[in-house]
Amino acid sequence: MHAIAVYEGESEPELIDLPRPDPDAGEALVRTLRVGVDGTDHEVISGGHGDYPAGTDHMVLGHEAVGVVEDANGTELSEGDVVVPTVRRRPNGDNAYFARGEPDMAPDGQYHERGIVGAHGFMAEYFTSPAESLVTVPPELAAHGFLVEPISITEKAVDHADASRSAFEWNPDSALVLGNGSLGLITLAMFEQRFDRTYCLGRRERPDPTIDIIESLGSTYVNSTETPVPEIPDAHEAPDLIYESTGYAKHPFESIEALAPNGVLAALGIPGDWDFEIEGGKLHRELVLHNKAVVGSVNSHVGHFEAAVDTLASLSDSFLDDLVTGIFELDDYEAAFVDDDRTIKNAIQFSEYEKRR
């Protein structure tokens, strides 16, 4: 079968041939439909993030996948089911986090991530997965099922933000998304369903397709070169929730002061090393005197994937059409990894979905 992988020491993905995998007991064989490309894939390719599977010199890429069960292999799934795989897997035997169904809370060294850390990904014509890690998707969502994984990331972040405010009645009205990449735009579309007022911060100038999407959602675009995060409360308002997806290391610290009283910062971006000065005492006072909270969030579990399926169903076709800028066949897979100002979300198509009678 064909697969897309990156080799150690290389900086470009390659199309390679691998044997079709056989499912172990408790696993299903899945025929891949589509796999999304995101920033983490680019970081794995560049060597800036992730770790290769033990004993191999390459990594099959991809963690945003949707496929069809080809062989249920005695599991509770059925051939023809449309499924989305979760990302984390047990590293070497079970541990308490996986036993509790909370693999997303496992610390470094106690998990593998398909296509990222210690395990091959889903950019192949077929993959196997434990049935417990496959979430069924309605067939009508098959075309965009690869978006379930990124949606699940925001489902978890919001879940944890809400949990941090569960000790009192929290009624947030406004939200600010930092970052107008694909995850930021997906999150903004989700927030439009919950918040009265939403904002999205980016660095792009008009004309730009992401700004068009932001405004089509009824949100306000904030150009950070004109209005940096610390100035947003004066220019607009202090948001109740700030969702950080940029990986720009100063943003979380700037967000603490920008938050409304009782507000929450959900930090998801992963920055590189960067030393800079902060007003530590001032930020400490903001957290204490105004009951603010900061939560960090990474990955997601099955429950978040299940919620993400419902959320995907609620997103408009026009938004999804604008978000997904390219679906590329295997013979043109290199184009899926192009990252320019016209690219928002690309995916690679491995096979067509055909509903079984």
Protein backbone atom coordinates (compact mmCIF):
# COMPACT_ATOMS: atom_id res chain seq x y z
CA MET A 1 0.00 0.00 0.00
CA HIS A 2 1.01 3.62 -0.40
CA ALA A 3 1.90 5.79 2.58
CA ILE A 4 3.36 9.25 3.12
CA ALA A 5 6.33 9.39 5.47
CA VAL A 6 9.32 11.47 6.46
CA TYR A 7 12.75 9.92 6.98
CA GLU A 8 15.18 10.97 9.69
CA GLY A 9 17.45 13.69 8.45
CA GLU A 10 15.14 14.60 5.57
CA SER A 11 12.96 17.69 5.33
CA GLU A 12 10.36 16.63 2.77
CA PRO A 13 7.67 13.92 2.94
CA GLU A 14 7.93 10.95 0.58
CA LEU A 15 5.45 8.52 -0.96
CA ILE A 16 6.55 5.02 0.07
CA ASP A 17 5.28 1.44 -0.20
CA LEU A 18 4.44 -0.57 2.91
CA PRO A 19 2.70 -3.90 3.52
CA ARG A 20 -0.98 -3.62 4.29
CA PRO A 21 -1.30 -4.07 8.08
CA ASP A 22 -3.16 -6.93 9.71
CA PRO A 23 -5.31 -6.05 12.74
CA ASP A 24 -4.49 -7.66 16.06
CA ALA A 25 -7.20 -8.92 18.41
CA GLY A 26 -9.42 -6.02 19.44
CA GLU A 27 -8.35 -3.97 16.42
CA ALA A 28 -10.13 -3.10 13.19
CA LEU A 29 -8.65 -2.56 9.74
CA VAL A 30 -9.60 0.84 8.35
CA ARG A 31 -9.45 1.98 4.74
CA THR A 32 -8.36 5.60 4.82
CA LEU A 33 -10.52 8.22 3.13
CA ARG A 34 -8.85 11.54 3.92
CA VAL A 35 -6.11 12.84 6.22
CA GLY A 36 -5.71 16.51 7.12
CA VAL A 37 -2.42 18.40 7.16
CA ASP A 38 -1.69 20.78 10.02
CA GLY A 39 1.12 22.67 11.71
CA THR A 40 2.17 19.68 13.81
CA ASP A 41 2.83 17.71 10.62
CA HIS A 42 5.13 20.47 9.42
CA GLU A 43 6.93 20.46 12.79
CA VAL A 44 7.41 16.68 12.61
CA ILE A 45 8.76 16.98 9.07
CA SER A 46 11.21 19.72 10.09
CA GLY A 47 12.35 17.76 13.14
CA GLY A 48 11.11 20.41 15.55
CA HIS A 49 8.60 18.16 17.28
CA GLY A 50 7.87 14.50 17.82
CA ASP A 51 9.87 11.28 17.97
CA TYR A 52 10.19 8.37 15.53
CA PRO A 53 8.84 4.90 16.35
CA ALA A 54 11.45 2.72 18.03
CA GLY A 55 13.61 0.76 15.62
CA THR A 56 12.60 2.72 12.51
CA ASP A 57 14.20 5.47 10.46
CA HIS A 58 10.94 7.02 9.27
CA MET A 59 7.56 8.21 10.45
CA VAL A 60 4.29 7.72 8.59
CA LEU A 61 2.68 11.13 8.98
CA GLY A 62 -0.85 12.24 9.79
CA HIS A 63 -3.08 12.38 12.86
CA GLU A 64 -6.28 13.95 11.45
CA ALA A 65 -7.95 11.05 9.68
CA VAL A 66 -11.28 9.64 8.62
CA GLY A 67 -11.79 6.20 7.14
CA VAL A 68 -14.12 3.25 6.61
CA VAL A 69 -13.96 -0.01 8.53
CA GLU A 70 -12.73 -2.62 6.05
CA ASP A 71 -12.45 -5.53 8.49
CA ALA A 72 -14.20 -5.29 11.87
CA ASN A 73 -12.16 -8.30 13.04
CA GLY A 74 -14.67 -9.44 15.66
CA THR A 75 -15.03 -6.03 17.30
CA GLU A 76 -18.35 -4.25 17.89
CA LEU A 77 -17.78 -2.18 14.77
CA SER A 78 -19.27 -3.12 11.40
CA GLU A 79 -17.71 -3.18 7.95
CA GLY A 80 -18.66 0.06 6.22
CA ASP A 81 -18.74 2.19 9.39
CA VAL A 82 -17.21 5.63 8.91
CA VAL A 83 -14.75 6.19 11.75
CA VAL A 84 -12.27 8.73 13.07
CA PRO A 85 -9.27 7.52 15.11
CA THR A 86 -8.11 9.21 18.29
CA VAL A 87 -4.40 10.00 18.44
CA ARG A 88 -2.85 8.75 21.68
CA ARG A 89 -1.96 5.12 22.31
CA ARG A 90 -0.51 3.13 25.20
CA PRO A 91 3.29 3.27 24.97
CA ASN A 92 4.35 -0.08 26.46
CA GLY A 93 1.56 -1.63 28.45
CA ASP A 94 -1.20 0.13 30.35
CA ASN A 95 -0.91 3.00 32.80
CA ALA A 96 -3.33 4.81 35.10
CA TYR A 97 -4.20 7.53 32.58
CA PHE A 98 -5.22 5.09 29.86
CA ALA A 99 -6.98 2.86 32.39
CA ARG A 100 -9.14 5.83 33.42
CA GLY A 101 -9.89 6.77 29.81
CA GLU A 102 -7.82 9.95 30.17
CA PRO A 103 -4.86 9.44 27.80
CA ASP A 104 -4.88 13.15 27.00
CA MET A 105 -3.73 13.86 30.57
CA ALA A 106 -0.77 11.47 30.47
CA PRO A 107 2.62 13.20 30.87
CA ASP A 108 5.58 12.83 28.51
CA GLY A 109 6.85 9.28 28.29
CA GLN A 110 3.52 7.68 29.13
CA TYR A 111 1.92 7.82 25.70
CA HIS A 112 2.55 7.49 21.99
CA GLU A 113 0.84 9.74 19.46
CA ARG A 114 0.05 8.41 16.01
CA GLY A 115 2.04 10.35 13.45
CA ILE A 116 3.75 12.48 16.09
CA VAL A 117 5.47 10.63 18.94
CA GLY A 118 6.59 7.01 18.89
CA ALA A 119 3.93 5.59 16.52
CA HIS A 120 3.21 5.75 12.80
CA GLY A 121 0.37 7.97 11.67
CA PHE A 122 -2.62 7.55 9.39
CA MET A 123 -1.32 8.83 6.03
CA ALA A 124 -1.56 5.39 4.44
CA GLU A 125 -4.15 3.59 2.37
CA TYR A 126 -4.95 1.39 5.38
CA PHE A 127 -4.32 1.53 9.11
CA THR A 128 -5.27 -0.53 12.13
CA SER A 129 -6.54 0.76 15.44
CA PRO A 130 -8.04 -0.60 18.64
CA ALA A 131 -11.82 -0.41 18.28
CA GLU A 132 -12.00 1.58 21.51
CA SER A 133 -10.00 4.34 19.80
CA LEU A 134 -12.31 4.63 16.79
CA VAL A 135 -15.25 7.03 16.95
CA THR A 136 -18.09 6.47 14.49
CA VAL A 137 -19.18 9.33 12.26
CA PRO A 138 -22.44 9.68 10.29
CA PRO A 139 -21.80 8.87 6.63
CA GLU A 140 -22.94 12.34 5.57
CA LEU A 141 -19.94 13.77 7.47
CA ALA A 142 -17.38 11.49 5.80
CA ALA A 143 -16.04 14.21 3.49
CA HIS A 144 -15.09 16.46 6.41
CA GLY A 145 -14.48 13.81 9.05
CA PHE A 146 -10.76 14.66 9.17
CA LEU A 147 -11.80 17.86 10.97
CA VAL A 148 -13.12 15.93 13.96
CA GLU A 149 -9.65 15.70 15.51
CA PRO A 150 -8.88 19.45 15.50
CA ILE A 151 -12.43 20.20 16.68
CA SER A 152 -11.89 17.77 19.56
CA ILE A 153 -8.86 19.79 20.67
CA THR A 154 -11.07 22.82 21.22
CA GLU A 155 -13.80 20.69 22.83
CA LYS A 156 -11.26 19.69 25.48
CA ALA A 157 -9.87 23.19 25.98
CA VAL A 158 -13.34 24.64 26.52
CA ASP A 159 -14.24 21.72 28.79
CA HIS A 160 -11.26 22.54 31.00
CA ALA A 161 -11.93 26.28 30.89
CA ASP A 162 -15.51 25.68 32.06
CA ALA A 163 -14.27 23.32 34.77
CA SER A 164 -11.97 26.03 36.12
CA ARG A 165 -15.05 28.24 36.67
CA SER A 166 -17.30 25.52 38.07
CA ALA A 167 -17.08 26.83 41.64
CA PHE A 168 -19.36 29.77 40.77
CA GLU A 169 -21.91 30.89 38.19
CA TRP A 170 -19.91 31.90 35.14
CA ASN A 171 -21.82 33.47 32.26
CA PRO A 172 -19.25 34.51 29.65
CA ASP A 173 -20.45 36.79 26.86
CA SER A 174 -17.29 37.39 24.84
CA ALA A 175 -14.35 35.39 23.52
CA LEU A 176 -11.10 36.21 21.75
CA VAL A 177 -9.26 33.69 19.58
CA LEU A 178 -5.55 34.37 19.15
CA GLY A 179 -4.57 32.99 15.78
CA ASN A 180 -6.35 32.85 12.42
CA GLY A 181 -4.96 29.53 11.23
CA SER A 182 -7.27 26.59 10.60
CA LEU A 183 -7.60 25.69 14.30
CA GLY A 184 -8.31 29.30 15.22
CA LEU A 185 -10.98 29.59 12.53
CA ILE A 186 -12.62 26.30 13.53
CA THR A 187 -12.65 27.49 17.13
CA LEU A 188 -14.13 30.84 16.12
CA ALA A 189 -16.96 29.07 14.28
CA MET A 190 -17.62 27.02 17.41
CA PHE A 191 -17.56 30.13 19.62
CA GLU A 192 -20.08 31.90 17.39
CA GLN A 193 -22.62 29.36 18.64
CA ARG A 194 -21.97 30.17 22.30
CA PHE A 195 -20.78 33.75 22.76
CA ASP A 196 -22.57 37.01 22.02
CA ARG A 197 -19.40 38.69 20.79
CA THR A 198 -16.27 37.15 19.32
CA TYR A 199 -12.91 38.47 18.13
CA CYS A 200 -10.03 36.88 16.25
CA LEU A 201 -6.49 38.23 16.29
CA GLY A 202 -4.04 37.74 13.44
CA ARG A 203 -1.20 39.47 11.59
CA ARG A 204 -2.58 39.42 8.06
CA GLU A 205 -3.51 42.42 5.95
CA ARG A 206 -6.53 42.70 3.67
CA PRO A 207 -7.40 41.24 1.26
CA ASP A 208 -7.06 37.85 2.92
CA PRO A 209 -9.28 34.74 2.89
CA THR A 210 -9.05 34.18 6.65
CA ILE A 211 -10.27 37.72 7.34
CA ASP A 212 -13.17 37.08 4.97
CA ILE A 213 -14.09 33.95 6.95
CA ILE A 214 -13.81 35.78 10.28
CA GLU A 215 -16.17 38.49 9.15
CA SER A 216 -18.57 36.06 7.46
CA LEU A 217 -18.97 34.43 10.87
CA GLY A 218 -20.02 37.77 12.35
CA SER A 219 -16.77 38.12 14.30
CA THR A 220 -14.44 41.11 14.57
CA TYR A 221 -10.95 40.83 13.09
CA VAL A 222 -8.16 42.37 15.16
CA ASN A 223 -4.87 43.06 13.36
CA SER A 224 -2.15 42.58 15.96
CA THR A 225 0.18 44.99 14.13
CA GLU A 226 -2.38 47.74 14.81
CA THR A 227 -3.96 46.51 18.06
CA PRO A 228 -1.73 44.19 20.10
CA VAL A 229 -3.25 42.00 22.80
CA PRO A 230 -2.68 44.45 25.71
CA GLU A 231 -4.65 47.14 23.85
CA ILE A 232 -7.70 44.99 23.02
CA PRO A 233 -9.65 45.87 26.21
CA ASP A 234 -9.48 49.58 25.36
CA ALA A 235 -10.09 49.13 21.63
CA HIS A 236 -12.89 46.58 22.01
CA GLU A 237 -13.51 44.95 25.40
CA ALA A 238 -11.86 42.66 27.92
CA PRO A 239 -12.88 39.13 26.83
CA ASP A 240 -14.28 36.55 29.23
CA LEU A 241 -12.38 33.76 27.44
CA ILE A 242 -9.14 33.97 25.49
CA TYR A 243 -8.16 30.97 23.37
CA GLU A 244 -4.47 31.03 22.43
CA SER A 245 -3.46 28.95 19.40
CA THR A 246 -0.46 30.89 18.09
CA GLY A 247 2.47 29.45 20.01
CA TYR A 248 3.73 33.03 20.35
CA ALA A 249 5.23 32.91 23.84
CA LYS A 250 4.31 36.46 24.88
CA HIS A 251 0.61 36.04 24.16
CA PRO A 252 -0.36 34.06 27.28
CA PHE A 253 1.28 36.61 29.56
CA GLU A 254 -0.31 39.51 27.69
CA SER A 255 -3.65 37.74 27.87
CA ILE A 256 -3.72 37.55 31.66
CA GLU A 257 -4.05 41.31 31.93
CA ALA A 258 -6.36 41.57 28.90
CA LEU A 259 -8.91 39.15 30.38
CA ALA A 260 -12.10 40.40 32.01
CA PRO A 261 -12.46 39.74 35.76
CA ASN A 262 -13.27 36.05 36.37
CA GLY A 263 -11.99 35.30 32.88
CA VAL A 264 -10.10 32.27 31.61
CA LEU A 265 -7.12 31.90 29.31
CA ALA A 266 -6.91 28.55 27.49
CA ALA A 267 -3.36 28.15 26.16
CA LEU A 268 -2.78 25.62 23.37
CA GLY A 269 0.14 26.94 21.31
CA ILE A 270 3.53 25.30 21.82
CA PRO A 271 6.36 27.87 21.60
CA GLY A 272 10.05 27.39 21.17
CA ASP A 273 12.50 28.58 23.82
CA TRP A 274 12.46 32.34 24.28
CA ASP A 275 13.73 34.41 27.22
CA PHE A 276 12.01 37.73 27.79
CA GLU A 277 11.00 39.95 30.70
CA ILE A 278 7.53 40.03 32.24
CA GLU A 279 5.99 42.11 35.01
CA GLY A 280 5.60 39.13 37.32
CA GLY A 281 4.12 40.97 40.27
CA LYS A 282 1.51 42.70 38.13
CA LEU A 283 0.43 39.45 36.49
CA HIS A 284 0.28 37.72 39.88
CA ARG A 285 -2.03 40.48 41.18
CA GLU A 286 -4.26 40.17 38.11
CA LEU A 287 -4.75 36.46 38.74
CA VAL A 288 -5.44 36.87 42.45
CA LEU A 289 -7.40 40.11 42.69
CA HIS A 290 -9.59 39.45 39.65
CA ASN A 291 -10.16 35.70 40.04
CA LYS A 292 -8.63 34.87 36.68
CA ALA A 293 -7.59 31.39 35.58
CA VAL A 294 -5.08 29.94 33.13
CA VAL A 295 -5.44 26.40 31.76
CA GLY A 296 -3.07 24.60 29.43
CA SER A 297 -4.53 21.99 27.13
CA VAL A 298 -3.16 19.42 24.69
CA ASN A 299 -4.68 16.43 22.91
CA SER A 300 -8.19 15.08 23.64
CA HIS A 301 -9.97 11.85 24.56
CA VAL A 302 -12.81 9.81 23.09
CA GLY A 303 -15.50 11.91 24.79
CA HIS A 304 -14.12 15.05 23.15
CA PHE A 305 -14.08 13.29 19.77
CA GLU A 306 -17.71 12.29 20.22
CA ALA A 307 -18.64 15.89 21.07
CA ALA A 308 -16.63 17.03 18.04
CA VAL A 309 -18.74 14.86 15.72
CA ASP A 310 -21.85 16.72 16.88
CA THR A 311 -20.08 20.05 16.49
CA LEU A 312 -18.95 19.20 12.96
CA ALA A 313 -22.56 18.46 12.06
CA SER A 314 -23.55 21.93 13.30
CA LEU A 315 -21.04 23.85 11.14
CA SER A 316 -22.37 25.36 7.94
CA ASP A 317 -21.42 24.00 4.54
CA SER A 318 -20.34 27.47 3.43
CA PHE A 319 -17.88 27.74 6.33
CA LEU A 320 -16.44 24.29 5.66
CA ASP A 321 -16.09 25.04 1.94
CA ASP A 322 -14.17 28.24 2.73
CA LEU A 323 -12.01 26.55 5.39
CA VAL A 324 -10.88 23.58 3.30
CA THR A 325 -8.75 25.11 0.56
CA GLY A 326 -7.52 21.90 -1.04
CA ILE A 327 -8.19 18.15 -1.27
CA PHE A 328 -5.28 16.49 -3.06
CA GLU A 329 -4.98 13.04 -4.60
CA LEU A 330 -2.00 10.83 -3.81
CA ASP A 331 -0.26 11.64 -7.10
CA ASP A 332 -0.28 15.31 -6.07
CA TYR A 333 0.41 14.85 -2.35
CA GLU A 334 3.29 17.37 -2.28
CA ALA A 335 0.81 20.19 -2.95
CA ALA A 336 -1.03 19.36 0.28
CA PHE A 337 2.05 20.40 2.27
CA VAL A 338 2.36 23.83 0.66
CA ASP A 339 1.89 26.45 3.38
CA ASP A 340 1.28 29.93 2.02
CA ASP A 341 -1.10 32.84 2.60
CA ARG A 342 -3.77 31.24 0.41
CA THR A 343 -3.70 27.94 2.27
CA ILE A 344 -6.01 27.42 5.24
CA LYS A 345 -6.70 23.70 5.50
CA ASN A 346 -5.53 20.97 3.14
CA ALA A 347 -6.15 17.25 3.13
CA ILE A 348 -4.96 14.23 1.17
CA GLN A 349 -7.50 11.83 -0.31
CA PHE A 350 -6.59 8.14 -0.22
CA SER A 351 -9.91 6.66 -1.35
CA GLU A 352 -13.52 7.56 -2.11
CA TYR A 353 -16.36 6.91 0.31
CA GLU A 354 -18.95 4.50 -1.07
CA LYS A 355 -21.96 3.75 1.08
CA ARG A 356 -22.52 0.03 1.46
CA ARG A 357 -26.01 -1.33 0.78
